Amino acid sequence: MSLLNRPLRVCGMVKNQGEPGGGPFVVDNGSYTDLQICEKSEIELNDEEKRSILESSQFFNPVDLVCFIKDYRGEKFNLVDFVNRERYFISEKTYKGRKLKALEHPGLWNGAMHNWNTLFVEVPLSTFNPVKTVNDLLRDGHREKR
């Protein structure tokens, strides 16, 4: 019952087009496996098998999330109870042209939704228009169609 009585998220994923970030994976939690969204920085890239899995992944981070946050009695879950605080990671960033490392705490779709029930569905690439840099605003998805 404890595996079923958890928040549910349905994650719309797009085909991997080489964007920076992570994607959907099956994670071994010891006593059970779970569908999770993992950032590239969370994956041990020195492990050949894990790097190969990442490089062959066909889908990319969630574009759309539909969340069900009430239990079977209609009561809201305490979402703090469903966070894995160990899912922090170090990412590499730049600031004014200087490389730096940043500590990222459990984010929306990774550690902060760690113990949610999860379903991944494919959505059209047209629903994905990321903005990682100001130049991304020049992409077709952000420009007015005439």
N, C-alpha and C. Protein backbone atom coordinates (compact mmCIF):
# COMPACT_ATOMS: atom_id res chain seq x y z
N MET A 1 0.83 -1.20 0.00
CA MET A 1 0.00 0.00 0.00
C MET A 1 0.87 1.26 0.00
N SER A 2 2.02 1.22 0.70
CA SER A 2 2.87 2.42 0.78
C SER A 2 3.44 2.80 -0.59
N LEU A 3 3.64 1.82 -1.47
CA LEU A 3 4.14 2.14 -2.81
C LEU A 3 3.06 2.78 -3.68
N LEU A 4 1.81 2.51 -3.39
CA LEU A 4 0.72 3.09 -4.17
C LEU A 4 0.26 4.43 -3.62
N ASN A 5 0.32 4.60 -2.31
CA ASN A 5 -0.19 5.81 -1.67
C ASN A 5 0.90 6.88 -1.64
N ARG A 6 1.23 7.38 -2.83
CA ARG A 6 2.24 8.42 -3.01
C ARG A 6 1.73 9.39 -4.07
N PRO A 7 2.27 10.60 -4.11
CA PRO A 7 1.90 11.51 -5.20
C PRO A 7 2.25 10.88 -6.55
N LEU A 8 1.54 11.29 -7.57
CA LEU A 8 1.73 10.77 -8.93
C LEU A 8 2.09 11.91 -9.85
N ARG A 9 3.08 11.67 -10.72
CA ARG A 9 3.42 12.65 -11.76
C ARG A 9 3.43 11.94 -13.11
N VAL A 10 2.89 12.60 -14.08
CA VAL A 10 2.96 12.16 -15.46
C VAL A 10 3.87 13.16 -16.16
N CYS A 11 4.98 12.66 -16.70
CA CYS A 11 6.01 13.52 -17.28
C CYS A 11 6.01 13.40 -18.79
N GLY A 12 5.76 14.50 -19.47
CA GLY A 12 5.86 14.53 -20.92
C GLY A 12 7.31 14.70 -21.33
N MET A 13 7.86 13.73 -22.06
CA MET A 13 9.26 13.74 -22.48
C MET A 13 9.34 13.92 -23.99
N VAL A 14 10.40 14.59 -24.43
CA VAL A 14 10.65 14.73 -25.87
C VAL A 14 11.85 13.87 -26.26
N LYS A 15 11.95 13.58 -27.54
CA LYS A 15 13.10 12.85 -28.06
C LYS A 15 14.36 13.64 -27.75
N ASN A 16 15.42 12.96 -27.40
CA ASN A 16 16.69 13.58 -27.07
C ASN A 16 17.29 14.19 -28.33
N GLN A 17 17.52 15.50 -28.29
CA GLN A 17 18.12 16.22 -29.41
C GLN A 17 19.50 16.76 -29.05
N GLY A 18 20.09 16.25 -27.95
CA GLY A 18 21.43 16.66 -27.55
C GLY A 18 21.48 17.89 -26.66
N GLU A 19 20.34 18.32 -26.12
CA GLU A 19 20.32 19.46 -25.20
C GLU A 19 21.02 19.09 -23.90
N PRO A 20 21.61 20.07 -23.21
CA PRO A 20 22.22 19.74 -21.91
C PRO A 20 21.14 19.44 -20.88
N GLY A 21 21.43 18.52 -20.00
CA GLY A 21 20.46 18.16 -18.95
C GLY A 21 20.44 16.67 -18.74
N GLY A 22 19.31 16.18 -18.32
CA GLY A 22 19.19 14.77 -18.00
C GLY A 22 18.01 14.14 -18.70
N GLY A 23 17.47 13.12 -18.06
CA GLY A 23 16.35 12.44 -18.67
C GLY A 23 15.79 11.36 -17.79
N PRO A 24 14.87 10.58 -18.34
CA PRO A 24 14.21 9.53 -17.58
C PRO A 24 15.08 8.27 -17.47
N PHE A 25 15.12 7.70 -16.27
CA PHE A 25 15.90 6.50 -16.03
C PHE A 25 15.18 5.60 -15.03
N VAL A 26 15.54 4.33 -15.04
CA VAL A 26 15.10 3.39 -14.02
C VAL A 26 16.21 3.37 -12.98
N VAL A 27 15.85 3.67 -11.72
CA VAL A 27 16.84 3.78 -10.64
C VAL A 27 16.61 2.66 -9.64
N ASP A 28 17.69 2.03 -9.23
CA ASP A 28 17.63 0.98 -8.22
C ASP A 28 17.70 1.61 -6.84
N ASN A 29 16.61 1.54 -6.09
CA ASN A 29 16.56 2.10 -4.74
C ASN A 29 16.84 1.06 -3.66
N GLY A 30 17.37 -0.06 -4.04
CA GLY A 30 17.68 -1.11 -3.07
C GLY A 30 16.58 -2.14 -2.99
N SER A 31 15.47 -1.79 -2.37
CA SER A 31 14.37 -2.76 -2.22
C SER A 31 13.39 -2.73 -3.39
N TYR A 32 13.50 -1.73 -4.27
CA TYR A 32 12.64 -1.66 -5.45
C TYR A 32 13.29 -0.75 -6.49
N THR A 33 12.86 -0.88 -7.74
CA THR A 33 13.32 0.04 -8.78
C THR A 33 12.23 1.07 -8.99
N ASP A 34 12.63 2.22 -9.49
CA ASP A 34 11.74 3.36 -9.57
C ASP A 34 12.06 4.15 -10.84
N LEU A 35 11.05 4.76 -11.44
CA LEU A 35 11.28 5.68 -12.54
C LEU A 35 11.65 7.04 -11.96
N GLN A 36 12.77 7.57 -12.40
CA GLN A 36 13.24 8.86 -11.90
C GLN A 36 13.81 9.68 -13.05
N ILE A 37 13.85 10.98 -12.84
CA ILE A 37 14.50 11.89 -13.77
C ILE A 37 15.85 12.24 -13.16
N CYS A 38 16.91 11.96 -13.89
CA CYS A 38 18.26 12.19 -13.39
C CYS A 38 18.96 13.24 -14.24
N GLU A 39 19.64 14.14 -13.58
CA GLU A 39 20.47 15.12 -14.28
C GLU A 39 21.79 14.46 -14.65
N LYS A 40 22.39 14.92 -15.72
CA LYS A 40 23.67 14.37 -16.16
C LYS A 40 24.70 14.44 -15.04
N SER A 41 24.66 15.52 -14.25
CA SER A 41 25.62 15.70 -13.15
C SER A 41 25.46 14.66 -12.05
N GLU A 42 24.31 13.98 -11.99
CA GLU A 42 24.07 12.96 -10.97
C GLU A 42 24.62 11.59 -11.36
N ILE A 43 24.99 11.44 -12.61
CA ILE A 43 25.39 10.14 -13.14
C ILE A 43 26.91 10.01 -13.08
N GLU A 44 27.37 8.89 -12.59
CA GLU A 44 28.81 8.63 -12.47
C GLU A 44 29.36 8.33 -13.87
N LEU A 45 29.87 9.37 -14.55
CA LEU A 45 30.30 9.23 -15.93
C LEU A 45 31.61 8.46 -16.07
N ASN A 46 32.34 8.25 -14.97
CA ASN A 46 33.55 7.42 -15.01
C ASN A 46 33.21 5.94 -15.12
N ASP A 47 31.97 5.58 -14.81
CA ASP A 47 31.50 4.20 -14.93
C ASP A 47 31.04 4.00 -16.38
N GLU A 48 31.76 3.17 -17.11
CA GLU A 48 31.50 2.96 -18.55
C GLU A 48 30.05 2.57 -18.82
N GLU A 49 29.51 1.66 -18.01
CA GLU A 49 28.13 1.20 -18.21
C GLU A 49 27.13 2.35 -18.04
N LYS A 50 27.31 3.15 -17.00
CA LYS A 50 26.39 4.26 -16.75
C LYS A 50 26.51 5.33 -17.82
N ARG A 51 27.75 5.62 -18.25
CA ARG A 51 27.94 6.60 -19.31
C ARG A 51 27.29 6.13 -20.60
N SER A 52 27.42 4.84 -20.89
CA SER A 52 26.81 4.28 -22.10
C SER A 52 25.29 4.39 -22.06
N ILE A 53 24.70 4.15 -20.90
CA ILE A 53 23.24 4.28 -20.76
C ILE A 53 22.82 5.72 -21.02
N LEU A 54 23.54 6.67 -20.44
CA LEU A 54 23.22 8.09 -20.65
C LEU A 54 23.34 8.45 -22.13
N GLU A 55 24.43 8.05 -22.75
CA GLU A 55 24.68 8.42 -24.14
C GLU A 55 23.69 7.79 -25.10
N SER A 56 23.10 6.67 -24.73
CA SER A 56 22.13 6.01 -25.62
C SER A 56 20.68 6.37 -25.28
N SER A 57 20.50 7.24 -24.29
CA SER A 57 19.13 7.58 -23.88
C SER A 57 18.39 8.27 -25.03
N GLN A 58 17.15 7.91 -25.21
CA GLN A 58 16.36 8.41 -26.33
C GLN A 58 15.49 9.60 -25.96
N PHE A 59 15.32 9.87 -24.65
CA PHE A 59 14.41 10.94 -24.25
C PHE A 59 15.10 11.93 -23.33
N PHE A 60 14.50 13.09 -23.23
CA PHE A 60 15.06 14.21 -22.49
C PHE A 60 14.14 14.62 -21.36
N ASN A 61 14.68 15.39 -20.42
CA ASN A 61 13.95 15.89 -19.26
C ASN A 61 12.48 16.23 -19.55
N PRO A 62 11.68 16.28 -18.49
CA PRO A 62 10.25 16.54 -18.71
C PRO A 62 9.99 17.92 -19.29
N VAL A 63 9.13 17.94 -20.25
CA VAL A 63 8.69 19.19 -20.85
C VAL A 63 7.41 19.64 -20.16
N ASP A 64 6.57 18.69 -19.86
CA ASP A 64 5.30 18.96 -19.18
C ASP A 64 5.17 18.01 -18.00
N LEU A 65 4.63 18.52 -16.90
CA LEU A 65 4.34 17.69 -15.74
C LEU A 65 2.88 17.84 -15.37
N VAL A 66 2.22 16.72 -15.17
CA VAL A 66 0.87 16.72 -14.61
C VAL A 66 1.01 16.03 -13.26
N CYS A 67 0.60 16.73 -12.19
CA CYS A 67 0.83 16.21 -10.84
C CYS A 67 -0.48 15.98 -10.10
N PHE A 68 -0.55 14.84 -9.45
CA PHE A 68 -1.68 14.49 -8.60
C PHE A 68 -1.16 14.45 -7.18
N ILE A 69 -1.58 15.40 -6.36
CA ILE A 69 -0.97 15.56 -5.04
C ILE A 69 -1.92 15.25 -3.89
N LYS A 70 -3.02 14.57 -4.20
CA LYS A 70 -3.95 14.16 -3.14
C LYS A 70 -3.98 12.64 -3.06
N ASP A 71 -4.21 12.14 -1.85
CA ASP A 71 -4.26 10.70 -1.66
C ASP A 71 -5.65 10.15 -2.03
N TYR A 72 -5.84 8.88 -1.83
CA TYR A 72 -7.09 8.22 -2.20
C TYR A 72 -8.29 8.71 -1.39
N ARG A 73 -8.04 9.42 -0.28
CA ARG A 73 -9.13 10.00 0.52
C ARG A 73 -9.39 11.45 0.13
N GLY A 74 -8.61 11.98 -0.82
CA GLY A 74 -8.77 13.36 -1.25
C GLY A 74 -7.98 14.35 -0.41
N GLU A 75 -7.11 13.85 0.47
CA GLU A 75 -6.31 14.72 1.32
C GLU A 75 -4.95 14.97 0.66
N LYS A 76 -4.47 16.21 0.79
CA LYS A 76 -3.17 16.56 0.19
C LYS A 76 -2.04 15.83 0.90
N PHE A 77 -1.10 15.33 0.09
CA PHE A 77 0.12 14.75 0.64
C PHE A 77 0.98 15.88 1.20
N ASN A 78 1.76 15.60 2.22
CA ASN A 78 2.78 16.53 2.68
C ASN A 78 3.99 16.28 1.77
N LEU A 79 4.18 17.13 0.78
CA LEU A 79 5.18 16.88 -0.25
C LEU A 79 6.61 16.87 0.28
N VAL A 80 6.86 17.49 1.41
CA VAL A 80 8.18 17.46 2.02
C VAL A 80 8.57 16.02 2.40
N ASP A 81 7.56 15.19 2.67
CA ASP A 81 7.83 13.79 3.01
C ASP A 81 8.34 12.99 1.81
N PHE A 82 8.27 13.55 0.62
CA PHE A 82 8.63 12.84 -0.60
C PHE A 82 9.88 13.43 -1.27
N VAL A 83 10.76 14.00 -0.48
CA VAL A 83 12.01 14.59 -0.97
C VAL A 83 13.17 13.69 -0.56
N ASN A 84 14.09 13.48 -1.48
CA ASN A 84 15.33 12.78 -1.15
C ASN A 84 16.43 13.83 -1.10
N ARG A 85 16.78 14.24 0.10
CA ARG A 85 17.76 15.31 0.29
C ARG A 85 19.18 14.90 -0.13
N GLU A 86 19.38 13.61 -0.37
CA GLU A 86 20.70 13.13 -0.82
C GLU A 86 20.90 13.32 -2.31
N ARG A 87 19.88 13.78 -3.02
CA ARG A 87 19.98 13.93 -4.47
C ARG A 87 20.49 15.30 -4.87
N TYR A 88 21.42 15.85 -4.11
CA TYR A 88 22.09 17.08 -4.52
C TYR A 88 23.23 16.67 -5.45
N PHE A 89 23.73 17.62 -6.21
CA PHE A 89 24.85 17.33 -7.09
C PHE A 89 25.61 18.61 -7.40
N ILE A 90 26.80 18.43 -7.92
CA ILE A 90 27.66 19.55 -8.32
C ILE A 90 27.55 19.69 -9.84
N SER A 91 27.22 20.90 -10.29
CA SER A 91 27.18 21.14 -11.73
C SER A 91 28.22 22.20 -12.08
N GLU A 92 28.61 22.21 -13.33
CA GLU A 92 29.58 23.20 -13.79
C GLU A 92 28.84 24.31 -14.49
N LYS A 93 29.16 25.55 -14.12
CA LYS A 93 28.53 26.74 -14.68
C LYS A 93 29.64 27.70 -15.09
N THR A 94 29.26 28.80 -15.71
CA THR A 94 30.20 29.88 -15.96
C THR A 94 29.57 31.19 -15.50
N TYR A 95 30.41 32.08 -15.03
CA TYR A 95 29.96 33.41 -14.62
C TYR A 95 31.01 34.41 -15.10
N LYS A 96 30.56 35.32 -15.97
CA LYS A 96 31.47 36.32 -16.57
C LYS A 96 32.68 35.63 -17.20
N GLY A 97 32.41 34.52 -17.88
CA GLY A 97 33.46 33.79 -18.58
C GLY A 97 34.34 32.91 -17.71
N ARG A 98 34.09 32.90 -16.41
CA ARG A 98 34.89 32.11 -15.48
C ARG A 98 34.15 30.84 -15.11
N LYS A 99 34.81 29.69 -15.19
CA LYS A 99 34.19 28.43 -14.82
C LYS A 99 34.04 28.35 -13.30
N LEU A 100 32.92 27.79 -12.87
CA LEU A 100 32.72 27.56 -11.45
C LEU A 100 31.87 26.32 -11.26
N LYS A 101 31.87 25.83 -10.03
CA LYS A 101 31.04 24.68 -9.68
C LYS A 101 29.94 25.16 -8.76
N ALA A 102 28.74 24.63 -8.97
CA ALA A 102 27.58 25.03 -8.17
C ALA A 102 26.96 23.80 -7.51
N LEU A 103 26.62 23.94 -6.24
CA LEU A 103 25.91 22.90 -5.52
C LEU A 103 24.42 23.08 -5.80
N GLU A 104 23.81 22.06 -6.39
CA GLU A 104 22.38 22.12 -6.69
C GLU A 104 21.65 21.16 -5.77
N HIS A 105 20.72 21.72 -5.02
CA HIS A 105 19.90 20.92 -4.10
C HIS A 105 18.83 20.18 -4.89
N PRO A 106 18.15 19.20 -4.27
CA PRO A 106 17.11 18.47 -5.00
C PRO A 106 16.14 19.42 -5.69
N GLY A 107 16.03 19.26 -6.99
CA GLY A 107 15.20 20.15 -7.79
C GLY A 107 13.82 19.60 -8.02
N LEU A 108 13.04 20.37 -8.74
CA LEU A 108 11.64 20.05 -8.96
C LEU A 108 11.43 18.62 -9.41
N TRP A 109 12.11 18.20 -10.46
CA TRP A 109 11.78 16.87 -10.98
C TRP A 109 12.74 15.79 -10.56
N ASN A 110 13.83 16.11 -9.91
CA ASN A 110 14.69 15.01 -9.47
C ASN A 110 14.45 14.75 -7.98
N GLY A 111 15.30 15.20 -7.10
CA GLY A 111 15.18 14.84 -5.68
C GLY A 111 13.93 15.32 -4.97
N ALA A 112 13.35 16.43 -5.41
CA ALA A 112 12.17 16.94 -4.73
C ALA A 112 10.92 16.12 -5.06
N MET A 113 10.99 15.28 -6.06
CA MET A 113 9.88 14.38 -6.42
C MET A 113 10.39 12.94 -6.43
N HIS A 114 11.34 12.65 -5.58
CA HIS A 114 12.03 11.36 -5.62
C HIS A 114 11.11 10.17 -5.36
N ASN A 115 10.24 10.26 -4.41
CA ASN A 115 9.41 9.12 -4.04
C ASN A 115 7.98 9.20 -4.60
N TRP A 116 7.83 9.90 -5.69
CA TRP A 116 6.53 9.97 -6.36
C TRP A 116 6.39 8.76 -7.27
N ASN A 117 5.16 8.33 -7.51
CA ASN A 117 4.91 7.38 -8.59
C ASN A 117 5.02 8.16 -9.89
N THR A 118 5.62 7.55 -10.90
CA THR A 118 5.95 8.27 -12.11
C THR A 118 5.54 7.50 -13.36
N LEU A 119 5.04 8.25 -14.33
CA LEU A 119 4.73 7.70 -15.64
C LEU A 119 5.36 8.64 -16.67
N PHE A 120 6.11 8.08 -17.62
CA PHE A 120 6.72 8.86 -18.69
C PHE A 120 5.91 8.67 -19.97
N VAL A 121 5.60 9.77 -20.66
CA VAL A 121 4.92 9.70 -21.94
C VAL A 121 5.66 10.60 -22.93
N GLU A 122 5.68 10.20 -24.18
CA GLU A 122 6.34 11.01 -25.21
C GLU A 122 5.39 12.11 -25.68
N VAL A 123 5.93 13.32 -25.79
CA VAL A 123 5.17 14.46 -26.32
C VAL A 123 5.93 15.02 -27.52
N PRO A 124 5.27 15.78 -28.40
CA PRO A 124 5.94 16.31 -29.59
C PRO A 124 7.07 17.26 -29.24
N LEU A 125 8.12 17.26 -30.04
CA LEU A 125 9.26 18.14 -29.84
C LEU A 125 8.84 19.61 -29.85
N SER A 126 7.77 19.95 -30.56
CA SER A 126 7.32 21.34 -30.64
C SER A 126 6.91 21.91 -29.28
N THR A 127 6.68 21.05 -28.28
CA THR A 127 6.31 21.54 -26.95
C THR A 127 7.53 21.94 -26.13
N PHE A 128 8.73 21.74 -26.65
CA PHE A 128 9.96 21.97 -25.91
C PHE A 128 10.71 23.16 -26.48
N ASN A 129 10.79 24.25 -25.74
CA ASN A 129 11.50 25.45 -26.16
C ASN A 129 12.36 25.96 -25.00
N PRO A 130 13.49 25.30 -24.73
CA PRO A 130 14.30 25.67 -23.56
C PRO A 130 14.98 27.02 -23.73
N VAL A 131 15.24 27.68 -22.62
CA VAL A 131 16.03 28.91 -22.60
C VAL A 131 17.13 28.71 -21.57
N LYS A 132 18.30 28.35 -22.04
CA LYS A 132 19.47 28.19 -21.17
C LYS A 132 20.38 29.41 -21.27
N THR A 133 20.37 30.05 -22.46
CA THR A 133 21.14 31.28 -22.66
C THR A 133 20.25 32.27 -23.42
N VAL A 134 20.64 33.52 -23.45
CA VAL A 134 19.85 34.54 -24.14
C VAL A 134 19.75 34.22 -25.64
N ASN A 135 20.76 33.57 -26.20
CA ASN A 135 20.72 33.22 -27.62
C ASN A 135 19.62 32.20 -27.94
N ASP A 136 19.20 31.43 -26.94
CA ASP A 136 18.12 30.47 -27.16
C ASP A 136 16.82 31.17 -27.55
N LEU A 137 16.67 32.43 -27.19
CA LEU A 137 15.46 33.19 -27.54
C LEU A 137 15.37 33.44 -29.04
N LEU A 138 16.46 33.21 -29.76
CA LEU A 138 16.45 33.38 -31.22
C LEU A 138 15.96 32.14 -31.95
N ARG A 139 15.77 31.04 -31.24
CA ARG A 139 15.28 29.81 -31.86
C ARG A 139 13.84 30.00 -32.34
N ASP A 140 13.45 29.18 -33.30
CA ASP A 140 12.12 29.26 -33.89
C ASP A 140 11.00 29.22 -32.85
N GLY A 141 11.12 28.39 -31.84
CA GLY A 141 10.06 28.25 -30.87
C GLY A 141 9.78 29.51 -30.06
N HIS A 142 10.70 30.47 -30.09
CA HIS A 142 10.53 31.71 -29.33
C HIS A 142 10.29 32.92 -30.23
N ARG A 143 10.23 32.71 -31.51
CA ARG A 143 10.06 33.82 -32.44
C ARG A 143 8.65 33.85 -32.96
N GLU A 144 8.18 35.06 -33.21
CA GLU A 144 6.83 35.24 -33.74
C GLU A 144 6.76 34.69 -35.17
N LYS A 145 5.73 33.93 -35.43
CA LYS A 145 5.52 33.37 -36.77
C LYS A 145 4.80 34.43 -37.62
N ARG A 146 5.23 34.64 -38.83
CA ARG A 146 4.57 35.61 -39.73
C ARG A 146 4.12 34.93 -40.97
